[in-house]
C-alpha atoms as a PDB file:
ATOM      1  CA  UNK A   1      -0.229   0.475   0.229  1.00  0.00           C
ATOM      2  CA  UNK A   2       1.541   3.058  -0.996  1.00  0.00           C
ATOM      3  CA  UNK A   3       0.135   5.344   1.640  1.00  0.00           C
ATOM      4  CA  UNK A   4       0.047   5.087   5.259  1.00  0.00           C
ATOM      5  CA  UNK A   5      -2.905   6.109   5.918  1.00  0.00           C
ATOM      6  CA  UNK A   6      -5.463   3.155   7.985  1.00  0.00           C
ATOM      7  CA  UNK A   7      -7.459   1.432   6.142  1.00  0.00           C
ATOM      8  CA  UNK A   8      -9.994   0.611   9.283  1.00  0.00           C
ATOM      9  CA  UNK A   9     -11.391  -2.418   8.855  1.00  0.00           C
ATOM     10  CA  UNK A  10     -11.965  -2.024   4.717  1.00  0.00           C
ATOM     11  CA  UNK A  11     -11.212  -5.062   2.282  1.00  0.00           C
ATOM     12  CA  UNK A  12     -11.393  -2.801  -0.517  1.00  0.00           C
ATOM     13  CA  UNK A  13      -9.184   0.372  -1.423  1.00  0.00           C
ATOM     14  CA  UNK A  14      -8.682   3.296  -3.455  1.00  0.00           C
ATOM     15  CA  UNK A  15      -5.517   4.964  -3.184  1.00  0.00           C
ATOM     16  CA  UNK A  16      -5.166   8.131  -5.127  1.00  0.00           C
ATOM     17  CA  UNK A  17      -1.479   9.162  -4.864  1.00  0.00           C
ATOM     18  CA  UNK A  18      -0.097  12.899  -5.801  1.00  0.00           C
ATOM     19  CA  UNK A  19       3.631  13.099  -6.141  1.00  0.00           C
ATOM     20  CA  UNK A  20       3.593  17.048  -4.276  1.00  0.00           C
ATOM     21  CA  UNK A  21       0.562  18.263  -2.752  1.00  0.00           C
ATOM     22  CA  UNK A  22       0.746  21.189  -5.498  1.00  0.00           C
ATOM     23  CA  UNK A  23       0.083  18.151  -7.846  1.00  0.00           C
ATOM     24  CA  UNK A  24      -3.427  18.747 -10.039  1.00  0.00           C
ATOM     25  CA  UNK A  25      -3.086  14.820 -10.798  1.00  0.00           C
ATOM     26  CA  UNK A  26      -2.940  11.771  -9.096  1.00  0.00           C
ATOM     27  CA  UNK A  27      -2.498   7.987 -10.216  1.00  0.00           C
ATOM     28  CA  UNK A  28      -6.047   6.210  -8.559  1.00  0.00           C
ATOM     29  CA  UNK A  29      -5.361   3.036  -8.264  1.00  0.00           C
ATOM     30  CA  UNK A  30      -8.238   0.274  -6.959  1.00  0.00           C
ATOM     31  CA  UNK A  31      -6.946  -2.556  -3.815  1.00  0.00           C
ATOM     32  CA  UNK A  32      -8.162  -5.898  -2.994  1.00  0.00           C
ATOM     33  CA  UNK A  33      -7.813  -7.062   0.890  1.00  0.00           C
ATOM     34  CA  UNK A  34      -5.795 -10.633   0.016  1.00  0.00           C
ATOM     35  CA  UNK A  35      -4.121 -13.349   2.327  1.00  0.00           C
ATOM     36  CA  UNK A  36      -0.920 -11.830   2.088  1.00  0.00           C
ATOM     37  CA  UNK A  37      -1.650  -8.045   2.533  1.00  0.00           C
ATOM     38  CA  UNK A  38      -2.827  -6.383  -0.653  1.00  0.00           C
ATOM     39  CA  UNK A  39      -3.080  -7.112  -3.916  1.00  0.00           C
ATOM     40  CA  UNK A  40      -3.517  -4.654  -7.094  1.00  0.00           C
ATOM     41  CA  UNK A  41      -6.768  -4.948  -9.306  1.00  0.00           C
ATOM     42  CA  UNK A  42      -6.500  -3.924 -11.959  1.00  0.00           C
ATOM     43  CA  UNK A  43      -4.266  -1.016 -13.441  1.00  0.00           C
ATOM     44  CA  UNK A  44      -3.132   2.643 -12.223  1.00  0.00           C
ATOM     45  CA  UNK A  45      -5.448   4.940 -13.388  1.00  0.00           C
ATOM     46  CA  UNK A  46      -4.356   9.118 -14.411  1.00  0.00           C
ATOM     47  CA  UNK A  47      -6.607  11.549 -11.818  1.00  0.00           C
ATOM     48  CA  UNK A  48      -7.677  14.505 -12.150  1.00  0.00           C
ATOM     49  CA  UNK A  49      -7.624  16.418  -8.221  1.00  0.00           C
ATOM     50  CA  UNK A  50      -8.011  20.299  -6.588  1.00  0.00           C
ATOM     51  CA  UNK A  51      -7.028  22.728  -8.783  1.00  0.00           C
ATOM     52  CA  UNK A  52      -4.614  23.806  -5.022  1.00  0.00           C
ATOM     53  CA  UNK A  53      -4.044  20.308  -5.303  1.00  0.00           C
ATOM     54  CA  UNK A  54      -4.203  18.213  -1.837  1.00  0.00           C
ATOM     55  CA  UNK A  55      -4.394  19.518   1.719  1.00  0.00           C
ATOM     56  CA  UNK A  56      -4.879  18.283   5.304  1.00  0.00           C
ATOM     57  CA  UNK A  57      -6.986  21.431   5.826  1.00  0.00           C
ATOM     58  CA  UNK A  58      -9.515  21.460   2.744  1.00  0.00           C
ATOM     59  CA  UNK A  59     -12.209  24.490   3.337  1.00  0.00           C
ATOM     60  CA  UNK A  60     -14.748  26.616   1.335  1.00  0.00           C
ATOM     61  CA  UNK A  61     -12.386  28.637  -0.198  1.00  0.00           C
ATOM     62  CA  UNK A  62      -9.758  26.456  -1.189  1.00  0.00           C
ATOM     63  CA  UNK A  63     -10.291  23.927  -4.827  1.00  0.00           C
ATOM     64  CA  UNK A  64      -8.180  21.015  -2.411  1.00  0.00           C
ATOM     65  CA  UNK A  65      -8.875  17.430  -2.085  1.00  0.00           C
ATOM     66  CA  UNK A  66      -8.757  16.319   1.026  1.00  0.00           C
ATOM     67  CA  UNK A  67      -5.473  14.505   2.658  1.00  0.00           C
ATOM     68  CA  UNK A  68      -6.835  10.703   4.776  1.00  0.00           C
ATOM     69  CA  UNK A  69      -8.298   7.338   4.465  1.00  0.00           C
ATOM     70  CA  UNK A  70     -12.157   8.267   4.531  1.00  0.00           C
ATOM     71  CA  UNK A  71     -14.997   5.767   3.815  1.00  0.00           C
ATOM     72  CA  UNK A  72     -17.255   5.395   0.682  1.00  0.00           C
ATOM     73  CA  UNK A  73     -21.046   4.582   1.714  1.00  0.00           C
ATOM     74  CA  UNK A  74     -22.931   5.799  -1.102  1.00  0.00           C
ATOM     75  CA  UNK A  75     -22.549   6.362  -4.508  1.00  0.00           C
ATOM     76  CA  UNK A  76     -25.342   9.623  -6.994  1.00  0.00           C
ATOM     77  CA  UNK A  77     -25.209  10.473 -10.429  1.00  0.00           C
ATOM     78  CA  UNK A  78     -27.772  11.494 -13.488  1.00  0.00           C
ATOM     79  CA  UNK A  79     -27.195   7.757 -15.316  1.00  0.00           C
ATOM     80  CA  UNK A  80     -29.339   5.084 -13.634  1.00  0.00           C
ATOM     81  CA  UNK A  81     -27.424   2.107 -11.011  1.00  0.00           C
ATOM     82  CA  UNK A  82     -24.095   0.471 -13.167  1.00  0.00           C
ATOM     83  CA  UNK A  83     -24.565  -2.157 -11.458  1.00  0.00           C
ATOM     84  CA  UNK A  84     -22.633  -0.834  -7.492  1.00  0.00           C
ATOM     85  CA  UNK A  85     -23.179  -2.532  -4.345  1.00  0.00           C
ATOM     86  CA  UNK A  86     -23.609   0.919  -2.772  1.00  0.00           C
ATOM     87  CA  UNK A  87     -26.308   2.944  -2.398  1.00  0.00           C
ATOM     88  CA  UNK A  88     -27.160   4.664  -5.138  1.00  0.00           C
ATOM     89  CA  UNK A  89     -29.426   7.493  -5.943  1.00  0.00           C
ATOM     90  CA  UNK A  90     -30.360   8.859 -10.025  1.00  0.00           C
ATOM     91  CA  UNK A  91     -30.587  12.476  -8.775  1.00  0.00           C
ATOM     92  CA  UNK A  92     -33.303  14.804 -10.146  1.00  0.00           C
ATOM     93  CA  UNK A  93     -33.676  18.758 -10.670  1.00  0.00           C
ATOM     94  CA  UNK A  94     -34.817  18.590  -7.322  1.00  0.00           C
ATOM     95  CA  UNK A  95     -31.565  17.020  -5.747  1.00  0.00           C
ATOM     96  CA  UNK A  96     -28.142  19.466  -4.371  1.00  0.00           C
ATOM     97  CA  UNK A  97     -25.493  19.352  -2.560  1.00  0.00           C
ATOM     98  CA  UNK A  98     -25.537  22.212   0.381  1.00  0.00           C
ATOM     99  CA  UNK A  99     -22.252  24.195   0.720  1.00  0.00           C
ATOM    100  CA  UNK A 100     -23.833  26.998   2.238  1.00  0.00           C
ATOM    101  CA  UNK A 101     -23.080  27.215   6.597  1.00  0.00           C
ATOM    102  CA  UNK A 102     -25.614  25.963   8.463  1.00  0.00           C
ATOM    103  CA  UNK A 103     -27.622  23.190   9.651  1.00  0.00           C
ATOM    104  CA  UNK A 104     -27.477  21.203   6.546  1.00  0.00           C
ATOM    105  CA  UNK A 105     -23.821  22.200   5.582  1.00  0.00           C
ATOM    106  CA  UNK A 106     -22.270  19.189   3.639  1.00  0.00           C
ATOM    107  CA  UNK A 107     -25.388  16.663   2.842  1.00  0.00           C
ATOM    108  CA  UNK A 108     -26.706  16.468  -0.035  1.00  0.00           C
ATOM    109  CA  UNK A 109     -30.850  17.048   0.061  1.00  0.00           C
ATOM    110  CA  UNK A 110     -34.054  16.970  -2.839  1.00  0.00           C
ATOM    111  CA  UNK A 111     -36.054  20.077  -2.212  1.00  0.00           C
ATOM    112  CA  UNK A 112     -38.658  21.164  -6.245  1.00  0.00           C
ATOM    113  CA  UNK A 113     -40.791  24.373  -3.983  1.00  0.00           C
ATOM    114  CA  UNK A 114     -40.133  26.921  -1.333  1.00  0.00           C
ATOM    115  CA  UNK A 115     -36.125  24.947  -0.037  1.00  0.00           C
ATOM    116  CA  UNK A 116     -35.102  25.667   3.342  1.00  0.00           C
ATOM    117  CA  UNK A 117     -31.972  26.664   1.231  1.00  0.00           C
ATOM    118  CA  UNK A 118     -30.542  28.598  -1.489  1.00  0.00           C
ATOM    119  CA  UNK A 119     -31.277  26.870  -4.778  1.00  0.00           C
ATOM    120  CA  UNK A 120     -27.996  28.002  -6.790  1.00  0.00           C
ATOM    121  CA  UNK A 121     -24.494  29.016  -4.764  1.00  0.00           C
ATOM    122  CA  UNK A 122     -22.348  27.517  -3.497  1.00  0.00           C
ATOM    123  CA  UNK A 123     -24.268  24.734  -3.668  1.00  0.00           C
ATOM    124  CA  UNK A 124     -24.356  23.003  -6.401  1.00  0.00           C
ATOM    125  CA  UNK A 125     -27.721  21.605  -8.136  1.00  0.00           C
ATOM    126  CA  UNK A 126     -26.450  17.502  -8.692  1.00  0.00           C
ATOM    127  CA  UNK A 127     -28.454  16.422 -12.036  1.00  0.00           C
ATOM    128  CA  UNK A 128     -27.001  20.265 -13.662  1.00  0.00           C
ATOM    129  CA  UNK A 129     -23.390  19.168 -13.641  1.00  0.00           C
ATOM    130  CA  UNK A 130     -23.118  16.413 -16.041  1.00  0.00           C
ATOM    131  CA  UNK A 131     -20.518  14.635 -17.235  1.00  0.00           C
ATOM    132  CA  UNK A 132     -19.188  15.050 -14.353  1.00  0.00           C
ATOM    133  CA  UNK A 133     -21.802  13.984 -12.269  1.00  0.00           C
ATOM    134  CA  UNK A 134     -22.532  11.329 -14.727  1.00  0.00           C
ATOM    135  CA  UNK A 135     -21.916   8.719 -11.768  1.00  0.00           C
ATOM    136  CA  UNK A 136     -20.516   9.900  -8.615  1.00  0.00           C
ATOM    137  CA  UNK A 137     -19.123   8.464  -5.041  1.00  0.00           C
ATOM    138  CA  UNK A 138     -19.624  10.723  -2.379  1.00  0.00           C
ATOM    139  CA  UNK A 139     -15.706  11.176  -0.141  1.00  0.00           C
ATOM    140  CA  UNK A 140     -16.944  10.472   3.553  1.00  0.00           C
ATOM    141  CA  UNK A 141     -14.763  13.670   4.339  1.00  0.00           C
ATOM    142  CA  UNK A 142     -16.192  16.018   7.273  1.00  0.00           C
ATOM    143  CA  UNK A 143     -19.638  13.989   7.073  1.00  0.00           C
ATOM    144  CA  UNK A 144     -19.552  13.175  10.772  1.00  0.00           C
ATOM    145  CA  UNK A 145     -18.429  15.109  12.869  1.00  0.00           C
ATOM    146  CA  UNK A 146     -19.567  18.110   9.603  1.00  0.00           C
ATOM    147  CA  UNK A 147     -17.365  20.700  10.872  1.00  0.00           C
ATOM    148  CA  UNK A 148     -18.771  24.235   9.587  1.00  0.00           C
ATOM    149  CA  UNK A 149     -16.686  25.745   6.800  1.00  0.00           C
ATOM    150  CA  UNK A 150     -14.142  22.788   6.525  1.00  0.00           C
ATOM    151  CA  UNK A 151     -15.146  21.723   3.410  1.00  0.00           C
ATOM    152  CA  UNK A 152     -18.034  19.983   1.753  1.00  0.00           C
ATOM    153  CA  UNK A 153     -18.456  18.271  -1.665  1.00  0.00           C
ATOM    154  CA  UNK A 154     -15.902  16.457  -2.224  1.00  0.00           C
ATOM    155  CA  UNK A 155     -16.651  12.879  -4.455  1.00  0.00           C
ATOM    156  CA  UNK A 156     -15.050  10.775  -7.275  1.00  0.00           C
ATOM    157  CA  UNK A 157     -16.594  11.653 -10.119  1.00  0.00           C
ATOM    158  CA  UNK A 158     -16.494  11.237 -13.396  1.00  0.00           C
ATOM    159  CA  UNK A 159     -13.053  14.074 -15.605  1.00  0.00           C
ATOM    160  CA  UNK A 160     -13.576  16.813 -18.289  1.00  0.00           C
ATOM    161  CA  UNK A 161      -9.626  16.474 -18.266  1.00  0.00           C
ATOM    162  CA  UNK A 162      -9.079  19.796 -15.500  1.00  0.00           C
ATOM    163  CA  UNK A 163      -8.455  20.147 -12.412  1.00  0.00           C
ATOM    164  CA  UNK A 164     -10.801  20.331 -10.078  1.00  0.00           C
ATOM    165  CA  UNK A 165     -12.485  22.260  -7.161  1.00  0.00           C
ATOM    166  CA  UNK A 166     -10.823  19.581  -4.796  1.00  0.00           C
ATOM    167  CA  UNK A 167     -12.932  16.511  -6.195  1.00  0.00           C
ATOM    168  CA  UNK A 168     -11.516  13.525  -7.911  1.00  0.00           C
ATOM    169  CA  UNK A 169     -11.635  12.935 -11.045  1.00  0.00           C
ATOM    170  CA  UNK A 170     -11.793  10.305 -13.475  1.00  0.00           C
ATOM    171  CA  UNK A 171     -12.527   8.820 -16.858  1.00  0.00           C
ATOM    172  CA  UNK A 172     -15.834   7.489 -17.022  1.00  0.00           C
ATOM    173  CA  UNK A 173     -16.068   4.345 -17.687  1.00  0.00           C
ATOM    174  CA  UNK A 174     -12.960   3.477 -14.875  1.00  0.00           C
ATOM    175  CA  UNK A 175     -15.172   4.576 -12.709  1.00  0.00           C
ATOM    176  CA  UNK A 176     -18.433   2.924 -13.617  1.00  0.00           C
ATOM    177  CA  UNK A 177     -15.554  -0.257 -13.640  1.00  0.00           C
ATOM    178  CA  UNK A 178     -14.566   0.839 -10.049  1.00  0.00           C
ATOM    179  CA  UNK A 179     -18.492   1.529  -8.768  1.00  0.00           C
ATOM    180  CA  UNK A 180     -19.267  -2.194  -9.653  1.00  0.00           C
ATOM    181  CA  UNK A 181     -16.682  -3.693  -7.389  1.00  0.00           C
ATOM    182  CA  UNK A 182     -17.548  -2.112  -4.898  1.00  0.00           C
ATOM    183  CA  UNK A 183     -19.398  -3.585  -1.798  1.00  0.00           C
ATOM    184  CA  UNK A 184     -21.344  -1.872   1.787  1.00  0.00           C
ATOM    185  CA  UNK A 185     -19.854  -5.066   3.058  1.00  0.00           C
ATOM    186  CA  UNK A 186     -16.691  -4.569   2.206  1.00  0.00           C
ATOM    187  CA  UNK A 187     -16.162  -1.388   3.885  1.00  0.00           C
ATOM    188  CA  UNK A 188     -14.012   0.196   1.224  1.00  0.00           C
ATOM    189  CA  UNK A 189     -12.279   3.232   1.785  1.00  0.00           C
ATOM    190  CA  UNK A 190     -10.532   6.114  -0.540  1.00  0.00           C
ATOM    191  CA  UNK A 191      -6.925   6.607   1.099  1.00  0.00           C
ATOM    192  CA  UNK A 192      -5.678  10.377  -0.482  1.00  0.00           C
ATOM    193  CA  UNK A 193      -1.761  11.889   0.037  1.00  0.00           C
ATOM    194  CA  UNK A 194       1.730  12.069  -1.215  1.00  0.00           C
ATOM    195  CA  UNK A 195       4.330   9.521  -1.419  1.00  0.00           C
END
């Protein structure tokens, strides 16, 4: 395993390794736990990360990808479930990820009428952001407990070939393959860092 972070109870791990904290690209690799350690699953995948690289202290004002070990417990997308085992939500035009301060900060919300949040910036209108959010796996950073302003809406999603606002982005076919592999019973995690 190229990064020294905890894998917890995971038997499925994705590593995202950059050459420096300033890099906007990284190498993504899936791993399966085996009897004597970890075995690579598939080949290495080129990934785009935050336009401000990686950070141990992400925030709303920084386009940096969080460093550390995070669970992967749910997914969403504008397209139908590609066959993933993790809970998957097909997004509608009523779906938002909340980045404004308040009790809903860094949560998924579905609301079409009079909503308790701004239907626009800084919140993300999930269904409208395609092809990036054709498929996305939520990176459980700043989820429990939620710290206001410490960064929100971090996902593993489809790339457009550019640096991100802090997410990890890979080609759609590669993401679909990974999503089809992910299984909740194996407590999947993503490890992000520099090596």
